[in-house]
Amino acid sequence: MKLGIEVLLQDKKRLKSLQGKRVGLVCHPASVDSELRHSLDLLAKKVKLSCAFGPQHGVRGDKQDNMIESPDFVDPVLKIPIFSLYGEVRRPTAEMMSHFDVVLFDLQDLGCRIYTFITTLLYMMEECAKTQKKIVILDRPNPAGRVIEGFRMRPGWESFVGAAPIPMRHGLTVGELALYFKSFYNLDVQVDVVKMKGYSPNKAPGFGWDIKRPWVNPSPNAASLNMARAYSGTVLIEGTTLSEGRGTTRALEVIGASDIDFTKVLAGMKKKAPQWLKGVILRECYFEPTFHKHQGKLCHGFQFHTDCDAYKHEQFKPFRITALMLKVIRDLYPDYPIYRDFAYEYVHNKLAFDVINGGPELKDWIENSKATPKDLDKKLALDEKSWAKERKAYLLYK
């Protein structure tokens, strides 16, 4: 398989079209080729790089905790400005846009709506449309594959973790999303997607990720393919008082709390909706976060395991599993304060859990004692089927 950056560097026609132009680059630590050479270094030898942009966690990926802003700086080697799109601004300013003629976008995504890199993509596309500048997407794999799961974002719930009305797990690559954004928002912008070669999103064992390629964290807590597969479920825990494992070596792969008996929770999950637990192993475990929620406290919980023979890509439903866990906790602990009240990704007037979900429907299901897994399945299926039909027009790979 060849990534978009690798295809571009071998495409004489595309490289020639960049000659004589000031080229910007949106990148982060995972913007590397198969030999782990960074796109900044590779492109600096081929084109005139005039600036670069870093998304959440920055170009270097140095901000370990979530929602920590990054500053602008000058690259010490290339001597070009590096602009932060997760600092004083999240949308490139007119001054930033004046530094380039064409911008290359080379971010490794996780395939989940709330991962902010795709919102950064939309914002950059919108600003390119305003200034009539071209954007070139250097496409990369979606490590979560083609499977769709979760509610579509509802109208009025747009945010930095909600760029468009797509499900939590959308099943598109960044390049495919760019085509969708252009069409859905009717953007008058020139978009060139440099497609990957040999990308097979439905093929085992990687299902969208070439397991022979080394994993580089696209963000500090995205530490493995296992995390990327579980993320569209475990990210829900960011809006709760439970721990999603931040402060451990398995962030967003483990879920737990210091004041909940997860032996009872797992038993309740198996009783209430065993059909949702297929295709994965949930291993009961203990962990102690060194920072963030439940810091310094022994937590009881479970870890998602897709790194085993039991993993079945089409059956694995992390969104449903995490929703089920919260439903069982509400049944076992009627007064437990599940939802964390704080400003989430610059949204101050809405419950963080609902912001993550793109609406209140999941919380309503959790809190309704009469609501069943079958009820949630019906609601989710409507969104998942409608998106499966809508996204067909943007699929670039079989």
Protein backbone atom coordinates (compact mmCIF):
# COMPACT_ATOMS: atom_id res chain seq x y z
CA MET A 1 0.00 0.00 0.00
CA LYS A 2 1.13 3.53 -0.75
CA LEU A 3 -0.08 6.56 1.20
CA GLY A 4 -1.13 9.82 -0.41
CA ILE A 5 2.18 11.48 0.49
CA GLU A 6 4.09 8.59 -1.13
CA VAL A 7 1.95 8.74 -4.28
CA LEU A 8 2.44 12.52 -4.53
CA LEU A 9 6.21 12.28 -4.28
CA GLN A 10 6.25 9.88 -7.26
CA ASP A 11 3.74 11.90 -9.31
CA LYS A 12 5.81 14.17 -11.59
CA LYS A 13 2.75 15.93 -12.98
CA ARG A 14 1.39 16.90 -9.56
CA LEU A 15 4.82 17.96 -8.31
CA LYS A 16 5.31 20.10 -11.40
CA SER A 17 1.98 21.83 -10.71
CA LEU A 18 3.35 22.88 -7.31
CA GLN A 19 6.55 24.39 -8.70
CA GLY A 20 6.82 28.15 -8.26
CA LYS A 21 4.04 28.19 -5.69
CA ARG A 22 4.16 28.78 -1.97
CA VAL A 23 3.03 25.53 -0.38
CA GLY A 24 1.47 25.16 3.06
CA LEU A 25 1.16 21.86 4.92
CA VAL A 26 -1.27 20.70 7.61
CA CYS A 27 0.54 17.98 9.53
CA HIS A 28 1.21 16.29 12.88
CA PRO A 29 3.51 13.55 14.26
CA ALA A 30 1.79 10.77 12.26
CA SER A 31 2.38 12.59 8.96
CA VAL A 32 5.06 10.10 7.94
CA ASP A 33 5.79 7.69 5.10
CA SER A 34 6.46 3.95 5.34
CA GLU A 35 10.01 4.63 6.51
CA LEU A 36 8.75 7.07 9.16
CA ARG A 37 10.13 10.13 7.41
CA HIS A 38 8.02 13.19 8.15
CA SER A 39 6.07 14.93 5.40
CA LEU A 40 7.66 18.27 6.28
CA ASP A 41 11.12 16.91 5.57
CA LEU A 42 10.05 14.99 2.46
CA LEU A 43 8.21 17.90 0.89
CA ALA A 44 10.91 20.45 1.73
CA LYS A 45 13.14 18.66 -0.80
CA LYS A 46 10.53 18.82 -3.57
CA VAL A 47 8.52 22.05 -3.20
CA LYS A 48 8.76 25.52 -1.68
CA LEU A 49 7.26 25.07 1.78
CA SER A 50 6.21 28.47 3.07
CA CYS A 51 4.34 27.51 6.26
CA ALA A 52 2.78 24.63 8.16
CA PHE A 53 -0.26 24.18 10.37
CA GLY A 54 -0.69 22.00 13.43
CA PRO A 55 -4.09 20.65 14.60
CA GLN A 56 -5.07 19.74 18.17
CA HIS A 57 -1.99 18.49 20.09
CA GLY A 58 0.24 20.40 17.65
CA VAL A 59 2.69 19.49 14.92
CA ARG A 60 4.88 17.76 17.48
CA GLY A 61 2.05 16.09 19.42
CA ASP A 62 3.54 17.25 22.69
CA LYS A 63 0.33 18.09 24.59
CA GLN A 64 -0.37 14.91 26.55
CA ASP A 65 -3.71 15.83 28.13
CA ASN A 66 -6.86 16.65 26.20
CA MET A 67 -7.97 20.18 25.21
CA ILE A 68 -4.56 21.80 25.79
CA GLU A 69 -3.77 24.58 23.32
CA SER A 70 -0.56 24.87 21.29
CA PRO A 71 1.35 28.08 20.38
CA ASP A 72 2.64 29.28 17.02
CA PHE A 73 6.39 28.97 16.46
CA VAL A 74 9.08 29.05 13.77
CA ASP A 75 10.50 25.73 12.63
CA PRO A 76 14.15 25.76 13.73
CA VAL A 77 15.35 23.86 10.63
CA LEU A 78 13.10 25.00 7.80
CA LYS A 79 12.76 28.54 9.19
CA ILE A 80 9.06 28.71 8.27
CA PRO A 81 6.13 29.72 10.50
CA ILE A 82 4.19 26.89 12.14
CA PHE A 83 0.66 28.06 12.87
CA SER A 84 -1.49 26.48 15.56
CA LEU A 85 -5.08 25.65 14.67
CA TYR A 86 -5.76 24.72 18.28
CA GLY A 87 -4.64 27.79 20.18
CA GLU A 88 -5.80 31.37 19.91
CA VAL A 89 -7.78 30.28 16.84
CA ARG A 90 -9.11 27.01 15.44
CA ARG A 91 -9.87 28.39 12.01
CA PRO A 92 -6.98 29.75 9.88
CA THR A 93 -6.98 33.54 9.83
CA ALA A 94 -6.65 35.77 6.76
CA GLU A 95 -3.04 36.47 7.76
CA MET A 96 -2.27 32.75 7.96
CA MET A 97 -3.94 32.13 4.61
CA SER A 98 -1.75 34.82 3.02
CA HIS A 99 1.35 32.65 3.56
CA PHE A 100 0.53 30.06 0.90
CA ASP A 101 -0.88 29.61 -2.61
CA VAL A 102 -1.84 25.95 -2.20
CA VAL A 103 -2.15 23.87 0.97
CA LEU A 104 -1.50 20.15 1.42
CA PHE A 105 -3.49 18.32 4.11
CA ASP A 106 -1.75 15.27 5.57
CA LEU A 107 -3.36 14.20 8.85
CA GLN A 108 -3.92 10.65 10.06
CA ASP A 109 -7.54 10.42 11.24
CA LEU A 110 -9.18 7.77 13.47
CA GLY A 111 -12.51 7.47 11.65
CA CYS A 112 -14.63 8.99 14.42
CA ARG A 113 -16.78 12.13 14.07
CA ILE A 114 -15.54 13.77 17.24
CA TYR A 115 -11.84 13.47 16.36
CA THR A 116 -11.11 17.14 15.73
CA PHE A 117 -8.80 16.71 12.75
CA ILE A 118 -11.76 16.41 10.38
CA THR A 119 -13.21 19.67 11.71
CA THR A 120 -9.83 21.26 11.02
CA LEU A 121 -10.16 19.87 7.49
CA LEU A 122 -13.58 21.49 7.06
CA TYR A 123 -12.40 24.84 8.43
CA MET A 124 -9.39 24.86 6.11
CA MET A 125 -11.60 23.98 3.15
CA GLU A 126 -14.01 26.79 4.00
CA GLU A 127 -11.20 29.34 4.22
CA CYS A 128 -9.70 28.08 0.95
CA ALA A 129 -13.11 28.58 -0.65
CA LYS A 130 -13.21 32.19 0.58
CA THR A 131 -9.73 32.93 -0.76
CA GLN A 132 -9.98 30.74 -3.89
CA LYS A 133 -6.98 28.65 -2.90
CA LYS A 134 -6.51 25.00 -3.74
CA ILE A 135 -6.36 22.25 -1.12
CA VAL A 136 -4.69 18.92 -1.82
CA ILE A 137 -5.62 15.99 0.42
CA LEU A 138 -2.84 13.44 0.89
CA ASP A 139 -5.10 10.55 1.77
CA ARG A 140 -4.46 8.11 4.60
CA PRO A 141 -6.23 4.97 5.90
CA ASN A 142 -9.21 4.95 8.22
CA PRO A 143 -7.99 2.48 10.88
CA ALA A 144 -11.57 1.85 12.03
CA GLY A 145 -12.50 0.58 8.56
CA ARG A 146 -15.78 0.96 6.66
CA VAL A 147 -18.19 -0.06 9.46
CA ILE A 148 -20.78 2.58 10.41
CA GLU A 149 -22.10 3.04 13.95
CA GLY A 150 -23.73 5.67 16.11
CA PHE A 151 -26.16 8.53 15.90
CA ARG A 152 -25.80 11.17 13.22
CA MET A 153 -25.18 14.64 14.61
CA ARG A 154 -28.44 16.56 14.99
CA PRO A 155 -29.10 20.09 13.60
CA GLY A 156 -27.98 22.76 16.05
CA TRP A 157 -25.30 20.57 17.62
CA GLU A 158 -22.44 21.69 15.38
CA SER A 159 -19.17 22.14 17.28
CA PHE A 160 -15.45 21.51 17.02
CA VAL A 161 -16.29 17.83 17.59
CA GLY A 162 -19.26 17.95 15.23
CA ALA A 163 -18.33 19.12 11.74
CA ALA A 164 -21.28 17.58 9.91
CA PRO A 165 -24.34 15.31 10.39
CA ILE A 166 -22.41 12.07 10.11
CA PRO A 167 -22.46 9.09 12.51
CA MET A 168 -19.93 8.68 15.29
CA ARG A 169 -18.14 6.01 13.24
CA HIS A 170 -18.41 7.19 9.64
CA GLY A 171 -16.21 4.78 7.69
CA LEU A 172 -14.57 7.31 5.33
CA THR A 173 -10.99 8.34 4.73
CA VAL A 174 -9.97 12.00 5.06
CA GLY A 175 -9.98 12.33 1.27
CA GLU A 176 -13.48 10.92 1.02
CA LEU A 177 -14.65 13.23 3.81
CA ALA A 178 -13.23 16.20 1.90
CA LEU A 179 -15.40 15.29 -1.08
CA TYR A 180 -18.42 14.96 1.21
CA PHE A 181 -17.76 18.34 2.88
CA LYS A 182 -17.39 20.04 -0.49
CA SER A 183 -20.73 18.66 -1.65
CA PHE A 184 -22.71 18.91 1.60
CA TYR A 185 -21.68 22.50 2.33
CA ASN A 186 -21.64 23.48 -1.37
CA LEU A 187 -18.10 24.81 -1.13
CA ASP A 188 -16.63 26.57 -4.15
CA VAL A 189 -13.16 25.19 -3.59
CA GLN A 190 -10.72 23.22 -5.73
CA VAL A 191 -10.06 19.91 -3.99
CA ASP A 192 -7.51 17.40 -5.26
CA VAL A 193 -7.47 14.05 -3.45
CA VAL A 194 -4.22 12.15 -3.89
CA LYS A 195 -5.58 8.64 -3.52
CA MET A 196 -3.72 5.82 -1.85
CA LYS A 197 -2.70 2.81 -3.88
CA GLY A 198 -3.47 -0.69 -2.66
CA TYR A 199 -5.82 0.44 0.11
CA SER A 200 -8.33 -2.30 1.01
CA PRO A 201 -10.64 -1.12 3.79
CA ASN A 202 -12.64 -4.37 3.91
CA LYS A 203 -9.75 -6.80 3.84
CA ALA A 204 -8.55 -8.80 6.85
CA PRO A 205 -6.58 -8.62 9.03
CA GLY A 206 -6.21 -4.82 9.10
CA PHE A 207 -9.60 -3.76 7.72
CA GLY A 208 -8.32 -0.40 6.57
CA TRP A 209 -4.96 -0.44 8.28
CA ASP A 210 -1.89 -2.16 6.83
CA ILE A 211 -0.69 -3.99 9.94
CA LYS A 212 2.80 -4.22 8.44
CA ARG A 213 3.09 -0.45 8.83
CA PRO A 214 4.32 0.94 12.16
CA TRP A 215 1.77 2.85 14.23
CA VAL A 216 2.60 6.46 15.03
CA ASN A 217 0.28 8.18 17.50
CA PRO A 218 -1.82 10.78 15.62
CA SER A 219 -2.55 12.23 19.07
CA PRO A 220 -0.74 11.41 22.33
CA ASN A 221 -3.43 9.05 23.67
CA ALA A 222 -4.10 7.30 20.35
CA ALA A 223 -1.49 4.67 21.07
CA SER A 224 -2.57 1.67 18.98
CA LEU A 225 -4.81 0.22 16.31
CA ASN A 226 -6.78 -1.35 19.16
CA MET A 227 -7.50 2.13 20.54
CA ALA A 228 -8.59 3.39 17.11
CA ARG A 229 -11.07 0.54 16.79
CA ALA A 230 -12.55 1.09 20.26
CA TYR A 231 -12.48 4.90 20.14
CA SER A 232 -15.98 5.53 18.79
CA GLY A 233 -17.23 3.92 21.98
CA THR A 234 -14.65 4.85 24.60
CA VAL A 235 -14.72 8.53 23.62
CA LEU A 236 -18.21 8.71 25.14
CA ILE A 237 -16.56 8.36 28.54
CA GLU A 238 -14.89 11.75 28.11
CA GLY A 239 -18.28 13.27 28.90
CA THR A 240 -18.74 11.22 32.07
CA THR A 241 -17.23 11.04 35.55
CA LEU A 242 -15.79 7.61 34.78
CA SER A 243 -12.20 7.22 33.61
CA GLU A 244 -11.44 6.55 29.93
CA GLY A 245 -7.92 5.57 30.99
CA ARG A 246 -6.21 8.94 30.59
CA GLY A 247 -3.20 8.90 32.84
CA THR A 248 -2.51 5.24 32.02
CA THR A 249 -0.65 3.51 29.21
CA ARG A 250 -3.97 2.33 27.69
CA ALA A 251 -6.01 5.51 27.38
CA LEU A 252 -9.29 5.04 25.50
CA GLU A 253 -8.79 1.29 25.49
CA VAL A 254 -9.80 0.86 29.14
CA ILE A 255 -12.92 2.13 30.91
CA GLY A 256 -13.49 2.12 34.64
CA ALA A 257 -14.06 3.94 37.92
CA SER A 258 -12.86 3.78 41.49
CA ASP A 259 -16.37 3.49 42.93
CA ILE A 260 -18.13 1.00 40.64
CA ASP A 261 -18.13 -2.82 40.79
CA PHE A 262 -17.43 -3.81 37.19
CA THR A 263 -17.89 -7.50 37.87
CA LYS A 264 -21.56 -6.68 38.36
CA VAL A 265 -21.54 -4.28 35.40
CA LEU A 266 -20.13 -6.85 32.99
CA ALA A 267 -22.58 -9.48 34.23
CA GLY A 268 -25.43 -7.02 33.69
CA MET A 269 -24.21 -6.23 30.17
CA LYS A 270 -24.11 -9.92 29.24
CA LYS A 271 -27.64 -10.37 30.57
CA LYS A 272 -29.18 -7.25 29.01
CA ALA A 273 -27.72 -7.36 25.47
CA PRO A 274 -25.33 -10.28 24.80
CA GLN A 275 -25.76 -9.71 21.06
CA TRP A 276 -23.85 -6.42 21.36
CA LEU A 277 -20.79 -8.07 22.90
CA LYS A 278 -19.79 -10.12 19.88
CA GLY A 279 -16.55 -9.76 17.95
CA VAL A 280 -14.41 -8.52 20.85
CA ILE A 281 -13.08 -9.60 24.24
CA LEU A 282 -13.84 -7.33 27.20
CA ARG A 283 -11.21 -8.16 29.79
CA GLU A 284 -11.96 -7.21 33.39
CA CYS A 285 -9.01 -5.23 34.74
CA TYR A 286 -7.72 -2.69 37.26
CA PHE A 287 -5.76 0.51 36.66
CA GLU A 288 -4.66 3.65 38.50
CA PRO A 289 -4.59 6.92 36.52
CA THR A 290 -1.54 9.09 37.25
CA PHE A 291 -3.46 12.19 36.11
CA HIS A 292 -6.97 13.24 35.02
CA LYS A 293 -10.16 11.68 36.43
CA HIS A 294 -9.77 9.29 39.41
CA GLN A 295 -6.10 10.31 39.70
CA GLY A 296 -4.20 8.11 42.15
CA LYS A 297 -7.21 5.87 42.78
CA LEU A 298 -7.50 2.18 41.95
CA CYS A 299 -10.11 1.81 39.23
CA HIS A 300 -12.03 -1.32 38.35
CA GLY A 301 -13.15 -1.68 34.75
CA PHE A 302 -12.49 -3.48 31.50
CA GLN A 303 -10.27 -3.27 28.44
CA PHE A 304 -11.38 -3.68 24.84
CA HIS A 305 -9.35 -6.32 22.97
CA THR A 306 -9.50 -6.37 19.18
CA ASP A 307 -5.89 -7.54 19.07
CA CYS A 308 -6.84 -11.23 19.17
CA ASP A 309 -8.38 -14.01 17.10
CA ALA A 310 -11.78 -13.34 18.67
CA TYR A 311 -12.02 -9.99 16.89
CA LYS A 312 -14.74 -9.89 14.23
CA HIS A 313 -14.63 -6.59 12.38
CA GLU A 314 -18.25 -6.43 11.20
CA GLN A 315 -19.68 -7.61 14.53
CA PHE A 316 -17.71 -5.30 16.81
CA LYS A 317 -19.91 -2.41 17.99
CA PRO A 318 -17.97 -0.21 20.44
CA PHE A 319 -20.62 2.55 20.53
CA ARG A 320 -23.33 0.09 21.56
CA ILE A 321 -21.06 -1.63 24.07
CA THR A 322 -20.20 1.63 25.84
CA ALA A 323 -23.83 2.77 25.76
CA LEU A 324 -24.85 -0.57 27.26
CA MET A 325 -22.28 -0.22 30.02
CA LEU A 326 -23.67 3.18 31.00
CA LYS A 327 -27.23 1.82 30.89
CA VAL A 328 -26.30 -1.01 33.27
CA ILE A 329 -24.50 1.41 35.60
CA ARG A 330 -27.66 3.51 35.76
CA ASP A 331 -29.67 0.36 36.61
CA LEU A 332 -27.22 -0.72 39.33
CA TYR A 333 -26.48 2.76 40.69
CA PRO A 334 -29.64 4.90 40.23
CA ASP A 335 -28.08 7.95 41.91
CA TYR A 336 -24.60 7.71 40.40
CA PRO A 337 -23.47 11.05 38.87
CA ILE A 338 -22.63 9.68 35.42
CA TYR A 339 -22.39 12.95 33.49
CA ARG A 340 -19.48 15.32 33.94
CA ASP A 341 -20.44 19.01 33.92
CA PHE A 342 -17.68 20.98 32.17
CA ALA A 343 -16.96 22.97 29.01
CA TYR A 344 -16.12 20.47 26.27
CA GLU A 345 -14.16 21.66 23.23
CA TYR A 346 -15.24 25.31 23.63
CA VAL A 347 -18.96 24.50 24.16
CA HIS A 348 -20.11 26.04 27.43
CA ASN A 349 -23.91 25.89 27.36
CA LYS A 350 -24.55 22.20 26.67
CA LEU A 351 -23.85 18.96 28.52
CA ALA A 352 -20.52 17.55 27.36
CA PHE A 353 -21.96 14.04 26.95
CA ASP A 354 -24.59 15.40 24.55
CA VAL A 355 -22.01 17.47 22.65
CA ILE A 356 -19.96 14.33 22.06
CA ASN A 357 -23.05 12.48 20.85
CA GLY A 358 -24.23 15.34 18.68
CA GLY A 359 -27.55 15.43 20.51
CA PRO A 360 -29.35 14.20 23.66
CA GLU A 361 -30.80 10.92 22.36
CA LEU A 362 -28.26 8.54 23.88
CA LYS A 363 -28.54 10.12 27.32
CA ASP A 364 -32.33 9.99 27.05
CA TRP A 365 -32.13 6.26 26.34
CA ILE A 366 -29.74 5.64 29.24
CA GLU A 367 -31.97 7.54 31.66
CA ASN A 368 -35.25 5.96 30.52
CA SER A 369 -35.70 2.90 32.73
CA LYS A 370 -38.20 1.41 30.28
CA ALA A 371 -35.99 1.83 27.19
CA THR A 372 -34.47 -1.41 25.88
CA PRO A 373 -31.46 -2.31 23.72
CA LYS A 374 -33.95 -3.09 20.95
CA ASP A 375 -35.22 0.50 21.15
CA LEU A 376 -31.71 1.90 20.75
CA ASP A 377 -30.94 -0.50 17.92
CA LYS A 378 -33.96 0.75 15.96
CA LYS A 379 -32.96 4.41 16.35
CA LEU A 380 -29.32 3.79 15.48
CA ALA A 381 -30.23 1.65 12.47
CA LEU A 382 -32.16 4.54 10.91
CA ASP A 383 -29.11 6.81 11.05
CA GLU A 384 -26.63 4.11 10.06
CA LYS A 385 -28.63 2.99 7.01
CA SER A 386 -29.27 6.53 5.80
CA TRP A 387 -25.57 7.37 6.06
CA ALA A 388 -24.56 4.14 4.29
CA LYS A 389 -26.72 5.22 1.37
CA GLU A 390 -25.56 8.85 1.37
CA ARG A 391 -21.84 8.16 1.59
CA LYS A 392 -21.77 5.89 -1.48
CA ALA A 393 -21.23 8.90 -3.73
CA TYR A 394 -17.91 9.71 -2.01
CA LEU A 395 -16.27 6.28 -1.75
CA LEU A 396 -12.91 6.19 -3.53
CA TYR A 397 -11.86 2.66 -2.59
CA LYS A 398 -13.50 -0.77 -2.85
